[in-house]
């Protein structure tokens, strides 16, 4: 295996604000390509000042729909991440793993919640 790939969120997004799903999808493309090539990736959060759940879900969470947890853990490392941001990332990963265990059930529950909300209007 060759040297690991360094991906800077700040450079990919072009700003310290990692908040938009579209930007997360752009990061996801880079991560997906590296993992498909069985390449180790170091994802840098250096200079990131704002981070959201939708961004992290698009960038990293969606990987769990394609790769096993073991593959992701062995190939993807993060660095320069603030403690609060790491907690947010861990929360996103936990939720996404639950979703991908049984997406049909999750979608059914989500639909039922939406229907209950419609009844209240």
N, C-alpha and C. Protein backbone atom coordinates (compact mmCIF):
# COMPACT_ATOMS: atom_id res chain seq x y z
N UNK A 1 0.85 -1.18 0.00
CA UNK A 1 0.00 0.00 0.00
C UNK A 1 0.90 1.24 0.00
N UNK A 2 0.54 2.22 -0.80
CA UNK A 2 1.33 3.43 -0.87
C UNK A 2 1.01 4.35 0.31
N UNK A 3 1.65 5.52 0.30
CA UNK A 3 1.42 6.47 1.40
C UNK A 3 -0.06 6.81 1.52
N UNK A 4 -0.43 7.23 2.74
CA UNK A 4 -1.83 7.58 2.92
C UNK A 4 -2.16 8.91 2.23
N UNK A 5 -3.42 9.09 1.97
CA UNK A 5 -3.92 10.29 1.32
C UNK A 5 -4.32 11.28 2.41
N UNK A 6 -3.94 12.53 2.24
CA UNK A 6 -4.34 13.59 3.16
C UNK A 6 -5.46 14.39 2.49
N UNK A 7 -6.58 14.52 3.19
CA UNK A 7 -7.69 15.34 2.68
C UNK A 7 -7.98 16.41 3.72
N UNK A 8 -7.90 17.64 3.29
CA UNK A 8 -8.21 18.78 4.16
C UNK A 8 -9.63 19.25 3.88
N UNK A 9 -10.48 19.21 4.91
CA UNK A 9 -11.84 19.71 4.74
C UNK A 9 -11.82 21.17 4.30
N UNK A 10 -10.94 21.94 4.92
CA UNK A 10 -10.83 23.36 4.61
C UNK A 10 -10.53 23.57 3.12
N UNK A 11 -9.64 22.76 2.57
CA UNK A 11 -9.29 22.90 1.15
C UNK A 11 -10.39 22.42 0.23
N UNK A 12 -11.01 21.29 0.55
CA UNK A 12 -12.08 20.77 -0.31
C UNK A 12 -13.28 21.70 -0.31
N UNK A 13 -13.67 22.16 0.87
CA UNK A 13 -14.85 23.02 1.00
C UNK A 13 -14.54 24.45 0.55
N UNK A 14 -13.31 24.87 0.79
CA UNK A 14 -12.91 26.22 0.40
C UNK A 14 -13.24 27.27 1.43
N UNK A 15 -13.57 26.82 2.63
CA UNK A 15 -13.88 27.75 3.72
C UNK A 15 -13.83 26.98 5.04
N UNK A 16 -13.85 27.71 6.16
CA UNK A 16 -13.86 27.03 7.46
C UNK A 16 -15.25 26.55 7.87
N UNK A 17 -16.26 26.79 7.02
CA UNK A 17 -17.64 26.45 7.35
C UNK A 17 -18.06 25.17 6.65
N UNK A 18 -17.98 24.07 7.34
CA UNK A 18 -18.37 22.76 6.81
C UNK A 18 -19.79 22.47 7.28
N UNK A 19 -20.73 23.10 6.60
CA UNK A 19 -22.11 23.05 7.06
C UNK A 19 -23.10 22.52 6.01
N UNK A 20 -22.80 22.68 4.73
CA UNK A 20 -23.75 22.33 3.68
C UNK A 20 -23.62 20.88 3.26
N UNK A 21 -24.74 20.26 3.00
CA UNK A 21 -24.76 18.87 2.54
C UNK A 21 -24.00 18.72 1.23
N UNK A 22 -24.15 19.68 0.32
CA UNK A 22 -23.43 19.62 -0.96
C UNK A 22 -21.93 19.55 -0.75
N UNK A 23 -21.42 20.34 0.19
CA UNK A 23 -19.99 20.29 0.49
C UNK A 23 -19.61 18.94 1.08
N UNK A 24 -20.47 18.40 1.92
CA UNK A 24 -20.23 17.08 2.48
C UNK A 24 -20.17 16.01 1.39
N UNK A 25 -21.04 16.15 0.40
CA UNK A 25 -21.04 15.19 -0.71
C UNK A 25 -19.74 15.27 -1.52
N UNK A 26 -19.20 16.46 -1.64
CA UNK A 26 -17.92 16.63 -2.34
C UNK A 26 -16.81 15.92 -1.57
N UNK A 27 -16.78 16.07 -0.27
CA UNK A 27 -15.80 15.37 0.57
C UNK A 27 -16.01 13.86 0.45
N UNK A 28 -17.28 13.45 0.45
CA UNK A 28 -17.61 12.03 0.34
C UNK A 28 -17.00 11.42 -0.93
N UNK A 29 -17.06 12.13 -2.04
CA UNK A 29 -16.49 11.62 -3.30
C UNK A 29 -15.02 11.27 -3.13
N UNK A 30 -14.28 12.15 -2.46
CA UNK A 30 -12.85 11.90 -2.24
C UNK A 30 -12.63 10.69 -1.33
N UNK A 31 -13.41 10.64 -0.25
CA UNK A 31 -13.27 9.53 0.70
C UNK A 31 -13.66 8.20 0.06
N UNK A 32 -14.75 8.20 -0.66
CA UNK A 32 -15.25 7.00 -1.31
C UNK A 32 -14.21 6.44 -2.29
N UNK A 33 -13.63 7.32 -3.09
CA UNK A 33 -12.63 6.88 -4.07
C UNK A 33 -11.41 6.26 -3.38
N UNK A 34 -10.97 6.88 -2.31
CA UNK A 34 -9.81 6.36 -1.59
C UNK A 34 -10.12 5.02 -0.95
N UNK A 35 -11.26 4.89 -0.31
CA UNK A 35 -11.61 3.64 0.35
C UNK A 35 -11.82 2.52 -0.67
N UNK A 36 -12.40 2.84 -1.81
CA UNK A 36 -12.58 1.83 -2.87
C UNK A 36 -11.23 1.31 -3.36
N UNK A 37 -10.22 2.17 -3.32
CA UNK A 37 -8.87 1.78 -3.72
C UNK A 37 -8.09 1.16 -2.56
N UNK A 38 -8.78 0.95 -1.45
CA UNK A 38 -8.17 0.39 -0.23
C UNK A 38 -6.99 1.24 0.24
N UNK A 39 -7.17 2.54 0.11
CA UNK A 39 -6.14 3.51 0.45
C UNK A 39 -6.42 4.13 1.81
N UNK A 40 -5.42 4.24 2.65
CA UNK A 40 -5.58 4.90 3.94
C UNK A 40 -5.74 6.40 3.73
N UNK A 41 -6.66 7.00 4.49
CA UNK A 41 -6.96 8.42 4.36
C UNK A 41 -6.85 9.08 5.72
N UNK A 42 -6.22 10.24 5.73
CA UNK A 42 -6.21 11.08 6.93
C UNK A 42 -7.04 12.31 6.57
N UNK A 43 -8.14 12.49 7.29
CA UNK A 43 -9.05 13.60 7.06
C UNK A 43 -8.75 14.69 8.08
N UNK A 44 -8.29 15.83 7.60
CA UNK A 44 -7.91 16.93 8.48
C UNK A 44 -9.05 17.92 8.68
N UNK A 45 -9.29 18.24 9.93
CA UNK A 45 -10.29 19.23 10.30
C UNK A 45 -9.62 20.57 10.64
N UNK A 46 -8.34 20.71 10.29
CA UNK A 46 -7.59 21.94 10.56
C UNK A 46 -8.28 23.14 9.90
N UNK A 47 -8.43 24.21 10.65
CA UNK A 47 -9.07 25.46 10.20
C UNK A 47 -10.59 25.38 10.08
N UNK A 48 -11.21 24.27 10.44
CA UNK A 48 -12.67 24.17 10.39
C UNK A 48 -13.22 24.83 11.66
N UNK A 49 -14.10 25.81 11.45
CA UNK A 49 -14.67 26.53 12.60
C UNK A 49 -16.15 26.25 12.81
N UNK A 50 -16.81 25.70 11.79
CA UNK A 50 -18.24 25.36 11.91
C UNK A 50 -18.48 24.03 11.23
N UNK A 51 -19.22 23.16 11.92
CA UNK A 51 -19.46 21.81 11.45
C UNK A 51 -20.90 21.44 11.80
N UNK A 52 -21.60 20.79 10.86
CA UNK A 52 -22.98 20.41 11.12
C UNK A 52 -23.21 18.92 10.90
N UNK A 53 -24.27 18.44 11.48
CA UNK A 53 -24.66 17.04 11.31
C UNK A 53 -24.93 16.71 9.84
N UNK A 54 -25.69 17.54 9.09
CA UNK A 54 -25.91 17.19 7.67
C UNK A 54 -24.61 17.07 6.87
N UNK A 55 -23.66 17.95 7.13
CA UNK A 55 -22.37 17.88 6.45
C UNK A 55 -21.68 16.56 6.77
N UNK A 56 -21.58 16.23 8.05
CA UNK A 56 -20.90 15.00 8.46
C UNK A 56 -21.61 13.75 7.96
N UNK A 57 -22.92 13.78 7.93
CA UNK A 57 -23.68 12.64 7.43
C UNK A 57 -23.37 12.41 5.95
N UNK A 58 -23.36 13.49 5.18
CA UNK A 58 -23.07 13.37 3.75
C UNK A 58 -21.62 12.96 3.51
N UNK A 59 -20.70 13.55 4.24
CA UNK A 59 -19.28 13.32 4.02
C UNK A 59 -18.82 11.95 4.50
N UNK A 60 -19.17 11.61 5.72
CA UNK A 60 -18.64 10.41 6.36
C UNK A 60 -19.72 9.36 6.61
N UNK A 61 -20.86 9.79 7.09
CA UNK A 61 -21.92 8.83 7.44
C UNK A 61 -22.33 7.94 6.30
N UNK A 62 -22.43 8.50 5.11
CA UNK A 62 -22.86 7.72 3.95
C UNK A 62 -21.88 6.61 3.58
N UNK A 63 -20.65 6.72 4.05
CA UNK A 63 -19.68 5.65 3.78
C UNK A 63 -20.15 4.32 4.36
N UNK A 64 -20.92 4.38 5.45
CA UNK A 64 -21.38 3.16 6.12
C UNK A 64 -22.42 2.41 5.28
N UNK A 65 -22.95 3.04 4.26
CA UNK A 65 -23.86 2.36 3.34
C UNK A 65 -23.12 1.56 2.29
N UNK A 66 -21.81 1.81 2.14
CA UNK A 66 -21.01 1.15 1.11
C UNK A 66 -19.93 0.25 1.70
N UNK A 67 -19.33 0.69 2.80
CA UNK A 67 -18.19 -0.01 3.38
C UNK A 67 -18.55 -0.55 4.76
N UNK A 68 -17.85 -1.59 5.16
CA UNK A 68 -18.07 -2.13 6.50
C UNK A 68 -17.43 -1.20 7.53
N UNK A 69 -17.89 -1.33 8.76
CA UNK A 69 -17.31 -0.54 9.84
C UNK A 69 -15.81 -0.83 9.98
N UNK A 70 -15.45 -2.09 9.80
CA UNK A 70 -14.04 -2.47 9.91
C UNK A 70 -13.19 -1.79 8.84
N UNK A 71 -13.70 -1.75 7.60
CA UNK A 71 -12.97 -1.07 6.52
C UNK A 71 -12.77 0.41 6.84
N UNK A 72 -13.83 1.04 7.28
CA UNK A 72 -13.76 2.47 7.58
C UNK A 72 -12.79 2.71 8.73
N UNK A 73 -12.91 1.94 9.78
CA UNK A 73 -12.02 2.11 10.94
C UNK A 73 -10.54 1.91 10.58
N UNK A 74 -10.28 0.97 9.70
CA UNK A 74 -8.88 0.67 9.36
C UNK A 74 -8.30 1.66 8.35
N UNK A 75 -9.14 2.26 7.52
CA UNK A 75 -8.62 3.10 6.45
C UNK A 75 -8.79 4.60 6.68
N UNK A 76 -9.75 5.00 7.50
CA UNK A 76 -10.04 6.43 7.68
C UNK A 76 -9.63 6.90 9.07
N UNK A 77 -8.79 7.89 9.10
CA UNK A 77 -8.37 8.52 10.36
C UNK A 77 -8.70 10.00 10.28
N UNK A 78 -9.00 10.59 11.43
CA UNK A 78 -9.24 12.04 11.49
C UNK A 78 -8.17 12.68 12.35
N UNK A 79 -7.87 13.93 12.03
CA UNK A 79 -6.89 14.68 12.82
C UNK A 79 -7.32 16.13 12.92
N UNK A 80 -6.77 16.80 13.90
CA UNK A 80 -7.02 18.23 14.12
C UNK A 80 -8.50 18.54 14.33
N UNK A 81 -9.19 17.65 15.01
CA UNK A 81 -10.62 17.85 15.24
C UNK A 81 -10.85 18.29 16.68
N UNK A 82 -11.65 19.33 16.85
CA UNK A 82 -11.97 19.84 18.18
C UNK A 82 -12.80 18.80 18.94
N UNK A 83 -12.72 18.84 20.25
CA UNK A 83 -13.43 17.88 21.10
C UNK A 83 -14.94 17.88 20.82
N UNK A 84 -15.54 19.07 20.72
CA UNK A 84 -16.98 19.15 20.45
C UNK A 84 -17.31 18.57 19.08
N UNK A 85 -16.45 18.83 18.10
CA UNK A 85 -16.67 18.31 16.75
C UNK A 85 -16.52 16.80 16.72
N UNK A 86 -15.58 16.26 17.49
CA UNK A 86 -15.41 14.82 17.57
C UNK A 86 -16.66 14.17 18.17
N UNK A 87 -17.23 14.79 19.18
CA UNK A 87 -18.46 14.27 19.78
C UNK A 87 -19.59 14.28 18.76
N UNK A 88 -19.67 15.33 17.95
CA UNK A 88 -20.69 15.41 16.90
C UNK A 88 -20.47 14.31 15.86
N UNK A 89 -19.23 14.10 15.46
CA UNK A 89 -18.91 13.04 14.50
C UNK A 89 -19.27 11.67 15.07
N UNK A 90 -18.95 11.43 16.30
CA UNK A 90 -19.29 10.14 16.92
C UNK A 90 -20.80 9.93 16.97
N UNK A 91 -21.54 11.00 17.23
CA UNK A 91 -23.00 10.91 17.25
C UNK A 91 -23.55 10.59 15.86
N UNK A 92 -23.02 11.24 14.85
CA UNK A 92 -23.45 10.98 13.48
C UNK A 92 -23.16 9.53 13.10
N UNK A 93 -21.97 9.06 13.42
CA UNK A 93 -21.60 7.68 13.08
C UNK A 93 -22.51 6.68 13.81
N UNK A 94 -22.78 6.93 15.07
CA UNK A 94 -23.67 6.05 15.84
C UNK A 94 -25.05 5.99 15.19
N UNK A 95 -25.61 7.14 14.83
CA UNK A 95 -26.94 7.18 14.23
C UNK A 95 -26.97 6.52 12.86
N UNK A 96 -25.95 6.76 12.06
CA UNK A 96 -25.89 6.20 10.71
C UNK A 96 -25.76 4.68 10.76
N UNK A 97 -24.98 4.17 11.70
CA UNK A 97 -24.84 2.72 11.83
C UNK A 97 -26.19 2.10 12.20
N UNK A 98 -26.94 2.76 13.06
CA UNK A 98 -28.28 2.26 13.39
C UNK A 98 -29.18 2.26 12.16
N UNK A 99 -29.10 3.33 11.39
CA UNK A 99 -29.91 3.42 10.17
C UNK A 99 -29.58 2.28 9.21
N UNK A 100 -28.30 2.08 8.93
CA UNK A 100 -27.91 1.09 7.94
C UNK A 100 -28.10 -0.35 8.41
N UNK A 101 -28.33 -0.57 9.70
CA UNK A 101 -28.67 -1.91 10.18
C UNK A 101 -30.03 -2.33 9.66
N UNK A 102 -30.97 -1.37 9.57
CA UNK A 102 -32.33 -1.68 9.11
C UNK A 102 -32.97 -0.43 8.51
N UNK A 103 -32.52 -0.02 7.32
CA UNK A 103 -33.04 1.22 6.74
C UNK A 103 -34.54 1.19 6.47
N UNK A 104 -35.07 0.04 6.12
CA UNK A 104 -36.50 -0.06 5.84
C UNK A 104 -37.32 0.27 7.10
N UNK A 105 -36.92 -0.28 8.23
CA UNK A 105 -37.63 0.00 9.49
C UNK A 105 -37.50 1.48 9.85
N UNK A 106 -36.30 2.02 9.71
CA UNK A 106 -36.07 3.43 10.02
C UNK A 106 -36.97 4.31 9.15
N UNK A 107 -37.04 4.01 7.86
CA UNK A 107 -37.87 4.81 6.95
C UNK A 107 -39.35 4.68 7.28
N UNK A 108 -39.76 3.49 7.71
CA UNK A 108 -41.14 3.27 8.10
C UNK A 108 -41.49 4.12 9.33
N UNK A 109 -40.63 4.11 10.32
CA UNK A 109 -40.86 4.91 11.52
C UNK A 109 -40.88 6.39 11.18
N UNK A 110 -39.96 6.81 10.34
CA UNK A 110 -39.90 8.21 9.91
C UNK A 110 -41.20 8.61 9.22
N UNK A 111 -41.69 7.75 8.35
CA UNK A 111 -42.94 8.03 7.64
C UNK A 111 -44.12 8.12 8.61
N UNK A 112 -44.16 7.24 9.61
CA UNK A 112 -45.22 7.28 10.61
C UNK A 112 -45.19 8.58 11.40
N UNK A 113 -44.00 9.04 11.73
CA UNK A 113 -43.87 10.31 12.45
C UNK A 113 -44.39 11.45 11.58
N UNK A 114 -44.04 11.44 10.30
CA UNK A 114 -44.53 12.49 9.41
C UNK A 114 -46.05 12.46 9.30
N UNK A 115 -46.63 11.27 9.22
CA UNK A 115 -48.08 11.15 9.14
C UNK A 115 -48.74 11.66 10.41
N UNK A 116 -48.14 11.39 11.57
CA UNK A 116 -48.67 11.89 12.84
C UNK A 116 -48.63 13.41 12.87
N UNK A 117 -47.57 13.99 12.33
CA UNK A 117 -47.47 15.46 12.27
C UNK A 117 -48.56 16.05 11.38
N UNK A 118 -48.88 15.36 10.28
CA UNK A 118 -49.93 15.84 9.37
C UNK A 118 -51.27 15.85 10.06
N UNK A 119 -51.52 14.89 10.95
CA UNK A 119 -52.78 14.81 11.66
C UNK A 119 -52.97 15.97 12.64
N UNK A 120 -51.88 16.55 13.08
CA UNK A 120 -51.94 17.64 14.06
C UNK A 120 -52.23 18.99 13.43
N UNK A 121 -52.09 19.09 12.15
CA UNK A 121 -52.26 20.38 11.47
C UNK A 121 -53.70 20.73 11.28
